[in-house]
Structure formats: C-alpha cells, structure tokens
Amino acid sequence: MRFLIALFTLLLCGCTSEVLLSDSRNVVISADLRRADEAQAIADQECAAYGKKASLMRENSRTNVSANYIFQCVTP
C-alpha cells in the first residue's frame, strides 16, 4: 500500500508546471507537452513583474511527455 501511495505522489508531481529560471530577460518552464498554454501563461506572469511579455524562443523536449519551454521577456 505504501508503494502505491509513493508512486501516486510521484506521478502527480510530474504533472505540474514548474519555473526553473526566472529573471528580467528569460524564463524557463518545465511542463507537460500538452500544457504549452499553461507554460506561456506562467511565463507571461513572470515577465509581467518586469513590465514585459513572454515570447517563446525554444522548446527542448526532455522526455516523450515533458519539455523545458524557454521564453524571452520582451518589451510589449
């Protein structure tokens, strides 16, 4: 039973989008490939703190289900 709980917890952790890096120039989001819109929204929110908007520069696939989305913060 404990094994199933641990496995379920690990699976849930892999489903959420996560900010790996955020500064006034760049934002890197780790997210599920099916959640590109969510990654964009998070990056827009991070860049908005500097009065900028996020522009997707690159999508680096890490696995078959997840990727690192690299955004540049640009002046709107």
N, C-alpha and C. Protein backbone atom coordinates (compact mmCIF):
# COMPACT_ATOMS: atom_id res chain seq x y z
N MET A 1 0.82 -1.19 0.00
CA MET A 1 0.00 0.00 0.00
C MET A 1 0.87 1.27 0.00
N ARG A 2 1.92 1.26 0.80
CA ARG A 2 2.81 2.43 0.84
C ARG A 2 3.46 2.68 -0.51
N PHE A 3 3.79 1.59 -1.21
CA PHE A 3 4.38 1.73 -2.53
C PHE A 3 3.42 2.43 -3.48
N LEU A 4 2.16 2.08 -3.44
CA LEU A 4 1.16 2.72 -4.31
C LEU A 4 1.00 4.19 -3.99
N ILE A 5 1.03 4.53 -2.73
CA ILE A 5 0.92 5.94 -2.33
C ILE A 5 2.13 6.72 -2.82
N ALA A 6 3.32 6.16 -2.67
CA ALA A 6 4.54 6.83 -3.15
C ALA A 6 4.52 6.98 -4.67
N LEU A 7 4.09 5.95 -5.35
CA LEU A 7 4.02 6.01 -6.82
C LEU A 7 3.01 7.06 -7.27
N PHE A 8 1.86 7.11 -6.65
CA PHE A 8 0.83 8.09 -6.98
C PHE A 8 1.35 9.51 -6.75
N THR A 9 2.06 9.71 -5.66
CA THR A 9 2.63 11.03 -5.35
C THR A 9 3.63 11.45 -6.42
N LEU A 10 4.49 10.54 -6.83
CA LEU A 10 5.47 10.87 -7.88
C LEU A 10 4.80 11.19 -9.20
N LEU A 11 3.75 10.47 -9.53
CA LEU A 11 3.03 10.75 -10.77
C LEU A 11 2.37 12.12 -10.74
N LEU A 12 1.83 12.50 -9.62
CA LEU A 12 1.20 13.81 -9.50
C LEU A 12 2.22 14.93 -9.61
N CYS A 13 3.39 14.74 -9.06
CA CYS A 13 4.43 15.77 -9.12
C CYS A 13 4.88 16.02 -10.55
N GLY A 14 4.86 15.01 -11.38
CA GLY A 14 5.29 15.16 -12.76
C GLY A 14 4.29 15.88 -13.63
N CYS A 15 3.10 16.13 -13.14
CA CYS A 15 2.05 16.74 -13.95
C CYS A 15 2.00 18.26 -13.86
N THR A 16 2.65 18.83 -12.90
CA THR A 16 2.56 20.27 -12.71
C THR A 16 3.67 21.00 -13.46
N SER A 17 3.38 22.20 -13.84
CA SER A 17 4.39 23.05 -14.48
C SER A 17 5.23 23.70 -13.40
N GLU A 18 6.51 23.89 -13.70
CA GLU A 18 7.43 24.40 -12.69
C GLU A 18 8.37 25.43 -13.31
N VAL A 19 8.57 26.54 -12.62
CA VAL A 19 9.51 27.57 -13.05
C VAL A 19 10.91 27.12 -12.66
N LEU A 20 11.78 26.94 -13.64
CA LEU A 20 13.15 26.54 -13.37
C LEU A 20 14.08 27.74 -13.25
N LEU A 21 13.79 28.80 -14.03
CA LEU A 21 14.60 30.01 -14.00
C LEU A 21 13.71 31.19 -14.35
N SER A 22 13.89 32.28 -13.65
CA SER A 22 13.12 33.48 -13.95
C SER A 22 13.95 34.70 -13.59
N ASP A 23 14.17 35.55 -14.58
CA ASP A 23 14.82 36.84 -14.34
C ASP A 23 14.23 37.85 -15.32
N SER A 24 14.79 39.03 -15.40
CA SER A 24 14.22 40.09 -16.24
C SER A 24 14.37 39.82 -17.74
N ARG A 25 15.20 38.85 -18.11
CA ARG A 25 15.43 38.56 -19.53
C ARG A 25 14.87 37.22 -20.00
N ASN A 26 14.87 36.21 -19.13
CA ASN A 26 14.49 34.87 -19.54
C ASN A 26 13.65 34.17 -18.49
N VAL A 27 12.82 33.25 -18.96
CA VAL A 27 12.05 32.38 -18.08
C VAL A 27 12.11 30.98 -18.69
N VAL A 28 12.40 29.99 -17.84
CA VAL A 28 12.41 28.60 -18.28
C VAL A 28 11.38 27.85 -17.46
N ILE A 29 10.45 27.20 -18.15
CA ILE A 29 9.37 26.46 -17.51
C ILE A 29 9.49 24.99 -17.89
N SER A 30 9.40 24.11 -16.90
CA SER A 30 9.32 22.68 -17.15
C SER A 30 7.85 22.31 -17.09
N ALA A 31 7.32 21.73 -18.18
CA ALA A 31 5.89 21.43 -18.24
C ALA A 31 5.62 20.24 -19.15
N ASP A 32 4.45 19.68 -18.97
CA ASP A 32 3.96 18.61 -19.83
C ASP A 32 3.81 19.16 -21.25
N LEU A 33 4.09 18.34 -22.25
CA LEU A 33 3.97 18.79 -23.65
C LEU A 33 2.55 19.23 -24.00
N ARG A 34 1.57 18.69 -23.29
CA ARG A 34 0.18 19.07 -23.54
C ARG A 34 -0.21 20.35 -22.82
N ARG A 35 0.71 20.94 -22.07
CA ARG A 35 0.40 22.15 -21.30
C ARG A 35 1.22 23.36 -21.75
N ALA A 36 1.41 23.49 -23.04
CA ALA A 36 2.18 24.63 -23.56
C ALA A 36 1.49 25.95 -23.24
N ASP A 37 0.15 25.97 -23.27
CA ASP A 37 -0.59 27.19 -22.94
C ASP A 37 -0.37 27.59 -21.48
N GLU A 38 -0.31 26.59 -20.61
CA GLU A 38 -0.06 26.87 -19.19
C GLU A 38 1.35 27.42 -19.00
N ALA A 39 2.32 26.86 -19.71
CA ALA A 39 3.69 27.36 -19.63
C ALA A 39 3.76 28.82 -20.10
N GLN A 40 3.04 29.14 -21.18
CA GLN A 40 3.00 30.51 -21.69
C GLN A 40 2.40 31.46 -20.65
N ALA A 41 1.32 31.05 -20.01
CA ALA A 41 0.66 31.89 -19.01
C ALA A 41 1.57 32.15 -17.82
N ILE A 42 2.28 31.13 -17.38
CA ILE A 42 3.20 31.30 -16.25
C ILE A 42 4.34 32.23 -16.65
N ALA A 43 4.88 32.04 -17.85
CA ALA A 43 5.97 32.91 -18.31
C ALA A 43 5.51 34.35 -18.45
N ASP A 44 4.29 34.56 -18.96
CA ASP A 44 3.74 35.92 -19.06
C ASP A 44 3.66 36.56 -17.68
N GLN A 45 3.24 35.79 -16.70
CA GLN A 45 3.11 36.30 -15.33
C GLN A 45 4.50 36.66 -14.76
N GLU A 46 5.48 35.82 -15.01
CA GLU A 46 6.84 36.09 -14.52
C GLU A 46 7.42 37.34 -15.18
N CYS A 47 7.25 37.48 -16.49
CA CYS A 47 7.78 38.64 -17.21
C CYS A 47 7.03 39.92 -16.85
N ALA A 48 5.75 39.80 -16.53
CA ALA A 48 4.94 40.97 -16.17
C ALA A 48 5.50 41.68 -14.94
N ALA A 49 6.20 40.96 -14.08
CA ALA A 49 6.82 41.58 -12.91
C ALA A 49 7.86 42.63 -13.32
N TYR A 50 8.35 42.54 -14.55
CA TYR A 50 9.34 43.49 -15.07
C TYR A 50 8.74 44.39 -16.15
N GLY A 51 7.41 44.37 -16.29
CA GLY A 51 6.75 45.19 -17.29
C GLY A 51 6.95 44.68 -18.71
N LYS A 52 7.17 43.37 -18.83
CA LYS A 52 7.44 42.78 -20.14
C LYS A 52 6.47 41.64 -20.43
N LYS A 53 6.54 41.11 -21.65
CA LYS A 53 5.71 40.00 -22.09
C LYS A 53 6.62 38.85 -22.52
N ALA A 54 6.16 37.61 -22.34
CA ALA A 54 6.97 36.44 -22.68
C ALA A 54 6.80 36.05 -24.14
N SER A 55 7.93 35.76 -24.77
CA SER A 55 7.94 35.28 -26.15
C SER A 55 8.68 33.94 -26.19
N LEU A 56 8.01 32.89 -26.69
CA LEU A 56 8.62 31.56 -26.73
C LEU A 56 9.80 31.56 -27.70
N MET A 57 10.97 31.18 -27.20
CA MET A 57 12.16 31.10 -28.04
C MET A 57 12.41 29.66 -28.49
N ARG A 58 12.22 28.70 -27.56
CA ARG A 58 12.58 27.33 -27.87
C ARG A 58 11.85 26.37 -26.94
N GLU A 59 11.60 25.18 -27.45
CA GLU A 59 11.01 24.10 -26.67
C GLU A 59 11.97 22.92 -26.73
N ASN A 60 12.60 22.60 -25.62
CA ASN A 60 13.53 21.47 -25.56
C ASN A 60 12.83 20.29 -24.92
N SER A 61 12.55 19.26 -25.70
CA SER A 61 11.91 18.07 -25.16
C SER A 61 12.88 17.33 -24.25
N ARG A 62 12.40 17.01 -23.06
CA ARG A 62 13.20 16.23 -22.11
C ARG A 62 12.84 14.76 -22.20
N THR A 63 11.56 14.47 -22.36
CA THR A 63 11.07 13.10 -22.48
C THR A 63 9.94 13.12 -23.50
N ASN A 64 9.25 12.01 -23.64
CA ASN A 64 8.11 11.95 -24.56
C ASN A 64 6.91 12.74 -24.05
N VAL A 65 6.90 13.09 -22.78
CA VAL A 65 5.74 13.78 -22.21
C VAL A 65 6.04 15.15 -21.63
N SER A 66 7.31 15.52 -21.50
CA SER A 66 7.60 16.82 -20.90
C SER A 66 8.69 17.56 -21.67
N ALA A 67 8.74 18.86 -21.44
CA ALA A 67 9.72 19.70 -22.12
C ALA A 67 10.07 20.89 -21.26
N ASN A 68 11.19 21.50 -21.57
CA ASN A 68 11.55 22.78 -20.98
C ASN A 68 11.23 23.85 -22.02
N TYR A 69 10.36 24.76 -21.66
CA TYR A 69 9.97 25.87 -22.53
C TYR A 69 10.83 27.07 -22.16
N ILE A 70 11.53 27.63 -23.12
CA ILE A 70 12.42 28.76 -22.88
C ILE A 70 11.80 30.01 -23.49
N PHE A 71 11.53 30.99 -22.64
CA PHE A 71 10.89 32.24 -23.05
C PHE A 71 11.86 33.40 -22.86
N GLN A 72 11.73 34.39 -23.71
CA GLN A 72 12.45 35.65 -23.57
C GLN A 72 11.47 36.70 -23.14
N CYS A 73 11.83 37.51 -22.15
CA CYS A 73 10.97 38.62 -21.73
C CYS A 73 11.26 39.82 -22.63
N VAL A 74 10.24 40.27 -23.35
CA VAL A 74 10.41 41.36 -24.31
C VAL A 74 9.50 42.52 -23.94
N THR A 75 9.88 43.70 -24.36
CA THR A 75 9.05 44.88 -24.14
C THR A 75 7.83 44.81 -25.04
N PRO A 76 6.64 45.01 -24.47
CA PRO A 76 5.41 44.89 -25.30
C PRO A 76 5.29 46.02 -26.32
